[in-house]
Amino acid sequence: MDIEYSRGFLKSAARLPKRIIAFADRKEAVFRNEPFHPSLETHKLHGKDKGAWGFSVDRRYRIKFLFLENNRVLFLDIGLHDIYR
């Protein structure tokens, strides 16, 4: 699976604590192999984010993303649960 990163995702990631980046790297590795692994809690988003998906980095942090064509994914944002608002 190819993962692309939006400018917004990269900007948000740059502001995160190194500990969260380390968690996110591990979760991304799991996601690449099995996007619906139970530890990720992958779920569809609703409302203004309809069409997007999210998964858990840890209890507080999430990654918002889109499934694209040809086995590609676009990571849109990373942050606290309020990235869904």
PDB file of N, CA and C in Angstrom:
ATOM      1  N   MET A   1       0.837  -1.169   0.000  1.00  0.00           N
ATOM      2  CA  MET A   1       0.000   0.000   0.000  1.00  0.00           C
ATOM      3  C   MET A   1       0.889   1.242   0.000  1.00  0.00           C
ATOM      4  N   ASP A   2       0.562   2.166  -0.885  1.00  0.00           N
ATOM      5  CA  ASP A   2       1.291   3.434  -0.947  1.00  0.00           C
ATOM      6  C   ASP A   2       0.554   4.476  -0.117  1.00  0.00           C
ATOM      7  N   ILE A   3       1.278   5.151   0.745  1.00  0.00           N
ATOM      8  CA  ILE A   3       0.691   6.197   1.571  1.00  0.00           C
ATOM      9  C   ILE A   3       1.270   7.536   1.148  1.00  0.00           C
ATOM     10  N   GLU A   4       0.373   8.470   0.858  1.00  0.00           N
ATOM     11  CA  GLU A   4       0.754   9.842   0.539  1.00  0.00           C
ATOM     12  C   GLU A   4       0.365  10.714   1.728  1.00  0.00           C
ATOM     13  N   TYR A   5       1.053  11.828   1.892  1.00  0.00           N
ATOM     14  CA  TYR A   5       0.829  12.703   3.037  1.00  0.00           C
ATOM     15  C   TYR A   5       0.452  14.094   2.548  1.00  0.00           C
ATOM     16  N   SER A   6      -0.688  14.588   2.999  1.00  0.00           N
ATOM     17  CA  SER A   6      -1.092  15.943   2.628  1.00  0.00           C
ATOM     18  C   SER A   6      -0.199  16.956   3.343  1.00  0.00           C
ATOM     19  N   ARG A   7      -0.177  18.154   2.831  1.00  0.00           N
ATOM     20  CA  ARG A   7       0.588  19.227   3.459  1.00  0.00           C
ATOM     21  C   ARG A   7       0.085  19.464   4.889  1.00  0.00           C
ATOM     22  N   GLY A   8      -1.234  19.396   5.072  1.00  0.00           N
ATOM     23  CA  GLY A   8      -1.815  19.581   6.403  1.00  0.00           C
ATOM     24  C   GLY A   8      -1.375  18.506   7.380  1.00  0.00           C
ATOM     25  N   PHE A   9      -1.284  17.261   6.889  1.00  0.00           N
ATOM     26  CA  PHE A   9      -0.824  16.169   7.747  1.00  0.00           C
ATOM     27  C   PHE A   9       0.613  16.428   8.193  1.00  0.00           C
ATOM     28  N   LEU A  10       1.471  16.773   7.255  1.00  0.00           N
ATOM     29  CA  LEU A  10       2.881  17.006   7.582  1.00  0.00           C
ATOM     30  C   LEU A  10       3.045  18.174   8.552  1.00  0.00           C
ATOM     31  N   LYS A  11       2.248  19.213   8.368  1.00  0.00           N
ATOM     32  CA  LYS A  11       2.306  20.370   9.255  1.00  0.00           C
ATOM     33  C   LYS A  11       1.862  19.982  10.670  1.00  0.00           C
ATOM     34  N   SER A  12       0.772  19.229  10.767  1.00  0.00           N
ATOM     35  CA  SER A  12       0.289  18.783  12.083  1.00  0.00           C
ATOM     36  C   SER A  12       1.287  17.847  12.748  1.00  0.00           C
ATOM     37  N   ALA A  13       1.861  16.938  11.971  1.00  0.00           N
ATOM     38  CA  ALA A  13       2.816  15.969  12.522  1.00  0.00           C
ATOM     39  C   ALA A  13       4.049  16.671  13.083  1.00  0.00           C
ATOM     40  N   ALA A  14       4.469  17.743  12.434  1.00  0.00           N
ATOM     41  CA  ALA A  14       5.669  18.465  12.880  1.00  0.00           C
ATOM     42  C   ALA A  14       5.492  19.083  14.268  1.00  0.00           C
ATOM     43  N   ARG A  15       4.253  19.303  14.671  1.00  0.00           N
ATOM     44  CA  ARG A  15       3.983  19.922  15.977  1.00  0.00           C
ATOM     45  C   ARG A  15       3.783  18.903  17.094  1.00  0.00           C
ATOM     46  N   LEU A  16       3.776  17.625  16.768  1.00  0.00           N
ATOM     47  CA  LEU A  16       3.492  16.598  17.775  1.00  0.00           C
ATOM     48  C   LEU A  16       4.728  16.233  18.588  1.00  0.00           C
ATOM     49  N   PRO A  17       4.515  15.766  19.820  1.00  0.00           N
ATOM     50  CA  PRO A  17       5.643  15.266  20.618  1.00  0.00           C
ATOM     51  C   PRO A  17       6.286  14.049  19.942  1.00  0.00           C
ATOM     52  N   LYS A  18       7.584  13.895  20.129  1.00  0.00           N
ATOM     53  CA  LYS A  18       8.308  12.777  19.509  1.00  0.00           C
ATOM     54  C   LYS A  18       7.719  11.430  19.908  1.00  0.00           C
ATOM     55  N   ARG A  19       7.218  11.344  21.131  1.00  0.00           N
ATOM     56  CA  ARG A  19       6.616  10.098  21.610  1.00  0.00           C
ATOM     57  C   ARG A  19       5.409   9.714  20.746  1.00  0.00           C
ATOM     58  N   ILE A  20       4.602  10.690  20.369  1.00  0.00           N
ATOM     59  CA  ILE A  20       3.424  10.427  19.544  1.00  0.00           C
ATOM     60  C   ILE A  20       3.849  10.066  18.126  1.00  0.00           C
ATOM     61  N   ILE A  21       4.876  10.718  17.612  1.00  0.00           N
ATOM     62  CA  ILE A  21       5.389  10.376  16.280  1.00  0.00           C
ATOM     63  C   ILE A  21       5.867   8.928  16.263  1.00  0.00           C
ATOM     64  N   ALA A  22       6.536   8.487  17.317  1.00  0.00           N
ATOM     65  CA  ALA A  22       6.997   7.094  17.398  1.00  0.00           C
ATOM     66  C   ALA A  22       5.811   6.137  17.396  1.00  0.00           C
ATOM     67  N   PHE A  23       4.760   6.451  18.162  1.00  0.00           N
ATOM     68  CA  PHE A  23       3.544   5.622  18.148  1.00  0.00           C
ATOM     69  C   PHE A  23       2.939   5.604  16.745  1.00  0.00           C
ATOM     70  N   ALA A  24       2.857   6.777  16.121  1.00  0.00           N
ATOM     71  CA  ALA A  24       2.256   6.884  14.793  1.00  0.00           C
ATOM     72  C   ALA A  24       3.036   6.062  13.769  1.00  0.00           C
ATOM     73  N   ASP A  25       4.352   6.070  13.852  1.00  0.00           N
ATOM     74  CA  ASP A  25       5.170   5.269  12.932  1.00  0.00           C
ATOM     75  C   ASP A  25       4.858   3.785  13.077  1.00  0.00           C
ATOM     76  N   ARG A  26       4.723   3.327  14.318  1.00  0.00           N
ATOM     77  CA  ARG A  26       4.397   1.909  14.544  1.00  0.00           C
ATOM     78  C   ARG A  26       3.001   1.576  14.025  1.00  0.00           C
ATOM     79  N   LYS A  27       2.047   2.458  14.275  1.00  0.00           N
ATOM     80  CA  LYS A  27       0.675   2.218  13.802  1.00  0.00           C
ATOM     81  C   LYS A  27       0.606   2.271  12.276  1.00  0.00           C
ATOM     82  N   GLU A  28       1.404   3.144  11.668  1.00  0.00           N
ATOM     83  CA  GLU A  28       1.431   3.200  10.206  1.00  0.00           C
ATOM     84  C   GLU A  28       1.936   1.882   9.626  1.00  0.00           C
ATOM     85  N   ALA A  29       2.921   1.279  10.255  1.00  0.00           N
ATOM     86  CA  ALA A  29       3.436  -0.015   9.792  1.00  0.00           C
ATOM     87  C   ALA A  29       2.342  -1.078   9.864  1.00  0.00           C
ATOM     88  N   VAL A  30       1.571  -1.079  10.931  1.00  0.00           N
ATOM     89  CA  VAL A  30       0.441  -2.016  11.050  1.00  0.00           C
ATOM     90  C   VAL A  30      -0.574  -1.718   9.955  1.00  0.00           C
ATOM     91  N   PHE A  31      -0.897  -0.444   9.769  1.00  0.00           N
ATOM     92  CA  PHE A  31      -1.878  -0.021   8.773  1.00  0.00           C
ATOM     93  C   PHE A  31      -1.486  -0.469   7.364  1.00  0.00           C
ATOM     94  N   ARG A  32      -0.213  -0.349   7.017  1.00  0.00           N
ATOM     95  CA  ARG A  32       0.254  -0.754   5.681  1.00  0.00           C
ATOM     96  C   ARG A  32      -0.041  -2.229   5.407  1.00  0.00           C
ATOM     97  N   ASN A  33       0.087  -3.058   6.431  1.00  0.00           N
ATOM     98  CA  ASN A  33      -0.121  -4.495   6.261  1.00  0.00           C
ATOM     99  C   ASN A  33      -1.574  -4.914   6.413  1.00  0.00           C
ATOM    100  N   GLU A  34      -2.311  -4.225   7.283  1.00  0.00           N
ATOM    101  CA  GLU A  34      -3.698  -4.603   7.553  1.00  0.00           C
ATOM    102  C   GLU A  34      -4.475  -3.372   8.032  1.00  0.00           C
ATOM    103  N   PRO A  35      -5.056  -2.606   7.090  1.00  0.00           N
ATOM    104  CA  PRO A  35      -5.722  -1.353   7.448  1.00  0.00           C
ATOM    105  C   PRO A  35      -6.860  -1.492   8.458  1.00  0.00           C
ATOM    106  N   PHE A  36      -7.413  -2.684   8.580  1.00  0.00           N
ATOM    107  CA  PHE A  36      -8.520  -2.880   9.514  1.00  0.00           C
ATOM    108  C   PHE A  36      -8.116  -3.749  10.700  1.00  0.00           C
ATOM    109  N   HIS A  37      -6.833  -3.743  11.042  1.00  0.00           N
ATOM    110  CA  HIS A  37      -6.371  -4.481  12.221  1.00  0.00           C
ATOM    111  C   HIS A  37      -7.114  -3.936  13.444  1.00  0.00           C
ATOM    112  N   PRO A  38      -7.569  -4.819  14.332  1.00  0.00           N
ATOM    113  CA  PRO A  38      -8.344  -4.368  15.498  1.00  0.00           C
ATOM    114  C   PRO A  38      -7.642  -3.305  16.353  1.00  0.00           C
ATOM    115  N   SER A  39      -6.330  -3.339  16.431  1.00  0.00           N
ATOM    116  CA  SER A  39      -5.618  -2.362  17.266  1.00  0.00           C
ATOM    117  C   SER A  39      -5.727  -0.938  16.723  1.00  0.00           C
ATOM    118  N   LEU A  40      -6.071  -0.804  15.445  1.00  0.00           N
ATOM    119  CA  LEU A  40      -6.183   0.519  14.831  1.00  0.00           C
ATOM    120  C   LEU A  40      -7.551   1.166  15.054  1.00  0.00           C
ATOM    121  N   GLU A  41      -8.553   0.338  15.309  1.00  0.00           N
ATOM    122  CA  GLU A  41      -9.923   0.842  15.467  1.00  0.00           C
ATOM    123  C   GLU A  41     -10.325   1.702  14.264  1.00  0.00           C
ATOM    124  N   THR A  42     -10.032   1.224  13.053  1.00  0.00           N
ATOM    125  CA  THR A  42     -10.338   1.949  11.821  1.00  0.00           C
ATOM    126  C   THR A  42     -11.847   2.120  11.687  1.00  0.00           C
ATOM    127  N   HIS A  43     -12.263   3.334  11.334  1.00  0.00           N
ATOM    128  CA  HIS A  43     -13.695   3.609  11.252  1.00  0.00           C
ATOM    129  C   HIS A  43     -13.976   4.712  10.228  1.00  0.00           C
ATOM    130  N   LYS A  44     -15.176   4.637   9.629  1.00  0.00           N
ATOM    131  CA  LYS A  44     -15.635   5.672   8.713  1.00  0.00           C
ATOM    132  C   LYS A  44     -15.993   6.915   9.505  1.00  0.00           C
ATOM    133  N   LEU A  45     -15.772   8.055   8.883  1.00  0.00           N
ATOM    134  CA  LEU A  45     -16.159   9.315   9.502  1.00  0.00           C
ATOM    135  C   LEU A  45     -17.472   9.801   8.890  1.00  0.00           C
ATOM    136  N   HIS A  46     -18.146  10.665   9.607  1.00  0.00           N
ATOM    137  CA  HIS A  46     -19.457  11.152   9.185  1.00  0.00           C
ATOM    138  C   HIS A  46     -19.475  12.670   9.199  1.00  0.00           C
ATOM    139  N   GLY A  47     -20.607  13.224   8.834  1.00  0.00           N
ATOM    140  CA  GLY A  47     -20.752  14.680   8.840  1.00  0.00           C
ATOM    141  C   GLY A  47     -19.873  15.326   7.790  1.00  0.00           C
ATOM    142  N   LYS A  48     -19.169  16.378   8.168  1.00  0.00           N
ATOM    143  CA  LYS A  48     -18.336  17.102   7.196  1.00  0.00           C
ATOM    144  C   LYS A  48     -17.189  16.248   6.673  1.00  0.00           C
ATOM    145  N   ASP A  49     -16.836  15.201   7.396  1.00  0.00           N
ATOM    146  CA  ASP A  49     -15.747  14.308   6.980  1.00  0.00           C
ATOM    147  C   ASP A  49     -16.251  13.053   6.273  1.00  0.00           C
ATOM    148  N   LYS A  50     -17.505  13.061   5.837  1.00  0.00           N
ATOM    149  CA  LYS A  50     -18.068  11.901   5.152  1.00  0.00           C
ATOM    150  C   LYS A  50     -17.170  11.524   3.975  1.00  0.00           C
ATOM    151  N   GLY A  51     -16.871  10.259   3.861  1.00  0.00           N
ATOM    152  CA  GLY A  51     -15.966   9.769   2.822  1.00  0.00           C
ATOM    153  C   GLY A  51     -14.563   9.528   3.344  1.00  0.00           C
ATOM    154  N   ALA A  52     -14.232  10.158   4.453  1.00  0.00           N
ATOM    155  CA  ALA A  52     -12.914   9.962   5.070  1.00  0.00           C
ATOM    156  C   ALA A  52     -13.001   8.859   6.120  1.00  0.00           C
ATOM    157  N   TRP A  53     -11.849   8.409   6.547  1.00  0.00           N
ATOM    158  CA  TRP A  53     -11.726   7.365   7.560  1.00  0.00           C
ATOM    159  C   TRP A  53     -10.766   7.846   8.637  1.00  0.00           C
ATOM    160  N   GLY A  54     -10.763   7.152   9.765  1.00  0.00           N
ATOM    161  CA  GLY A  54      -9.826   7.461  10.827  1.00  0.00           C
ATOM    162  C   GLY A  54      -9.337   6.201  11.501  1.00  0.00           C
ATOM    163  N   PHE A  55      -8.161   6.284  12.104  1.00  0.00           N
ATOM    164  CA  PHE A  55      -7.695   5.196  12.962  1.00  0.00           C
ATOM    165  C   PHE A  55      -6.931   5.769  14.139  1.00  0.00           C
ATOM    166  N   SER A  56      -6.836   4.973  15.188  1.00  0.00           N
ATOM    167  CA  SER A  56      -6.235   5.411  16.448  1.00  0.00           C
ATOM    168  C   SER A  56      -4.730   5.211  16.455  1.00  0.00           C
ATOM    169  N   VAL A  57      -4.020   6.242  16.875  1.00  0.00           N
ATOM    170  CA  VAL A  57      -2.586   6.147  17.131  1.00  0.00           C
ATOM    171  C   VAL A  57      -2.388   5.673  18.568  1.00  0.00           C
ATOM    172  N   ASP A  58      -3.129   6.293  19.473  1.00  0.00           N
ATOM    173  CA  ASP A  58      -3.185   5.869  20.877  1.00  0.00           C
ATOM    174  C   ASP A  58      -4.564   6.271  21.398  1.00  0.00           C
ATOM    175  N   ARG A  59      -4.732   6.350  22.686  1.00  0.00           N
ATOM    176  CA  ARG A  59      -6.060   6.658  23.231  1.00  0.00           C
ATOM    177  C   ARG A  59      -6.532   8.069  22.886  1.00  0.00           C
ATOM    178  N   ARG A  60      -5.614   8.976  22.613  1.00  0.00           N
ATOM    179  CA  ARG A  60      -5.986  10.373  22.367  1.00  0.00           C
ATOM    180  C   ARG A  60      -5.800  10.828  20.924  1.00  0.00           C
ATOM    181  N   TYR A  61      -4.823  10.279  20.221  1.00  0.00           N
ATOM    182  CA  TYR A  61      -4.453  10.767  18.896  1.00  0.00           C
ATOM    183  C   TYR A  61      -5.013   9.885  17.790  1.00  0.00           C
ATOM    184  N   ARG A  62      -5.373  10.541  16.677  1.00  0.00           N
ATOM    185  CA  ARG A  62      -5.971   9.865  15.534  1.00  0.00           C
ATOM    186  C   ARG A  62      -5.287  10.314  14.246  1.00  0.00           C
ATOM    187  N   ILE A  63      -5.422   9.468  13.226  1.00  0.00           N
ATOM    188  CA  ILE A  63      -5.028   9.840  11.865  1.00  0.00           C
ATOM    189  C   ILE A  63      -6.279   9.788  11.003  1.00  0.00           C
ATOM    190  N   LYS A  64      -6.520  10.877  10.271  1.00  0.00           N
ATOM    191  CA  LYS A  64      -7.642  10.950   9.333  1.00  0.00           C
ATOM    192  C   LYS A  64      -7.085  10.729   7.930  1.00  0.00           C
ATOM    193  N   PHE A  65      -7.782   9.908   7.131  1.00  0.00           N
ATOM    194  CA  PHE A  65      -7.248   9.555   5.816  1.00  0.00           C
ATOM    195  C   PHE A  65      -8.358   9.249   4.824  1.00  0.00           C
ATOM    196  N   LEU A  66      -7.954   9.135   3.550  1.00  0.00           N
ATOM    197  CA  LEU A  66      -8.836   8.728   2.462  1.00  0.00           C
ATOM    198  C   LEU A  66      -8.253   7.507   1.779  1.00  0.00           C
ATOM    199  N   PHE A  67      -9.112   6.563   1.418  1.00  0.00           N
ATOM    200  CA  PHE A  67      -8.705   5.485   0.526  1.00  0.00           C
ATOM    201  C   PHE A  67      -8.796   6.031  -0.893  1.00  0.00           C
ATOM    202  N   LEU A  68      -7.726   5.913  -1.667  1.00  0.00           N
ATOM    203  CA  LEU A  68      -7.695   6.344  -3.060  1.00  0.00           C
ATOM    204  C   LEU A  68      -7.684   5.113  -3.955  1.00  0.00           C
ATOM    205  N   GLU A  69      -7.636   5.317  -5.245  1.00  0.00           N
ATOM    206  CA  GLU A  69      -7.569   4.202  -6.190  1.00  0.00           C
ATOM    207  C   GLU A  69      -6.180   3.577  -6.199  1.00  0.00           C
ATOM    208  N   ASN A  70      -6.095   2.383  -6.770  1.00  0.00           N
ATOM    209  CA  ASN A  70      -4.825   1.694  -6.994  1.00  0.00           C
ATOM    210  C   ASN A  70      -4.021   1.468  -5.719  1.00  0.00           C
ATOM    211  N   ASN A  71      -4.709   1.046  -4.659  1.00  0.00           N
ATOM    212  CA  ASN A  71      -4.041   0.674  -3.407  1.00  0.00           C
ATOM    213  C   ASN A  71      -3.235   1.831  -2.810  1.00  0.00           C
ATOM    214  N   ARG A  72      -3.797   3.040  -2.923  1.00  0.00           N
ATOM    215  CA  ARG A  72      -3.156   4.226  -2.358  1.00  0.00           C
ATOM    216  C   ARG A  72      -4.033   4.823  -1.265  1.00  0.00           C
ATOM    217  N   VAL A  73      -3.386   5.474  -0.324  1.00  0.00           N
ATOM    218  CA  VAL A  73      -4.072   6.133   0.788  1.00  0.00           C
ATOM    219  C   VAL A  73      -3.476   7.530   0.942  1.00  0.00           C
ATOM    220  N   LEU A  74      -4.315   8.498   1.277  1.00  0.00           N
ATOM    221  CA  LEU A  74      -3.857   9.857   1.547  1.00  0.00           C
ATOM    222  C   LEU A  74      -4.123  10.169   3.010  1.00  0.00           C
ATOM    223  N   PHE A  75      -3.064  10.369   3.782  1.00  0.00           N
ATOM    224  CA  PHE A  75      -3.199  10.795   5.170  1.00  0.00           C
ATOM    225  C   PHE A  75      -3.483  12.296   5.163  1.00  0.00           C
ATOM    226  N   LEU A  76      -4.622  12.672   5.745  1.00  0.00           N
ATOM    227  CA  LEU A  76      -5.078  14.060   5.728  1.00  0.00           C
ATOM    228  C   LEU A  76      -4.644  14.863   6.941  1.00  0.00           C
ATOM    229  N   ASP A  77      -4.705  14.237   8.122  1.00  0.00           N
ATOM    230  CA  ASP A  77      -4.411  14.974   9.351  1.00  0.00           C
ATOM    231  C   ASP A  77      -4.055  13.992  10.453  1.00  0.00           C
ATOM    232  N   ILE A  78      -3.357  14.485  11.452  1.00  0.00           N
ATOM    233  CA  ILE A  78      -3.036  13.724  12.651  1.00  0.00           C
ATOM    234  C   ILE A  78      -3.178  14.675  13.832  1.00  0.00           C
ATOM    235  N   GLY A  79      -3.779  14.174  14.885  1.00  0.00           N
ATOM    236  CA  GLY A  79      -3.941  15.013  16.067  1.00  0.00           C
ATOM    237  C   GLY A  79      -4.913  14.408  17.046  1.00  0.00           C
ATOM    238  N   LEU A  80      -5.331  15.229  17.992  1.00  0.00           N
ATOM    239  CA  LEU A  80      -6.306  14.794  18.979  1.00  0.00           C
ATOM    240  C   LEU A  80      -7.651  14.539  18.304  1.00  0.00           C
ATOM    241  N   HIS A  81      -8.559  13.959  19.039  1.00  0.00           N
ATOM    242  CA  HIS A  81      -9.858  13.584  18.488  1.00  0.00           C
ATOM    243  C   HIS A  81     -10.561  14.753  17.798  1.00  0.00           C
ATOM    244  N   ASP A  82     -10.232  15.978  18.154  1.00  0.00           N
ATOM    245  CA  ASP A  82     -10.906  17.131  17.545  1.00  0.00           C
ATOM    246  C   ASP A  82     -10.535  17.366  16.081  1.00  0.00           C
ATOM    247  N   ILE A  83      -9.637  16.577  15.505  1.00  0.00           N
ATOM    248  CA  ILE A  83      -9.376  16.696  14.058  1.00  0.00           C
ATOM    249  C   ILE A  83     -10.614  16.305  13.267  1.00  0.00           C
ATOM    250  N   TYR A  84     -11.545  15.609  13.913  1.00  0.00           N
ATOM    251  CA  TYR A  84     -12.786  15.216  13.249  1.00  0.00           C
ATOM    252  C   TYR A  84     -13.813  16.342  13.237  1.00  0.00           C
ATOM    253  N   ARG A  85     -13.553  17.438  13.919  1.00  0.00           N
ATOM    254  CA  ARG A  85     -14.534  18.536  13.994  1.00  0.00           C
ATOM    255  C   ARG A  85     -14.275  19.563  12.933  1.00  0.00           C
TER     256      ARG A  85
END
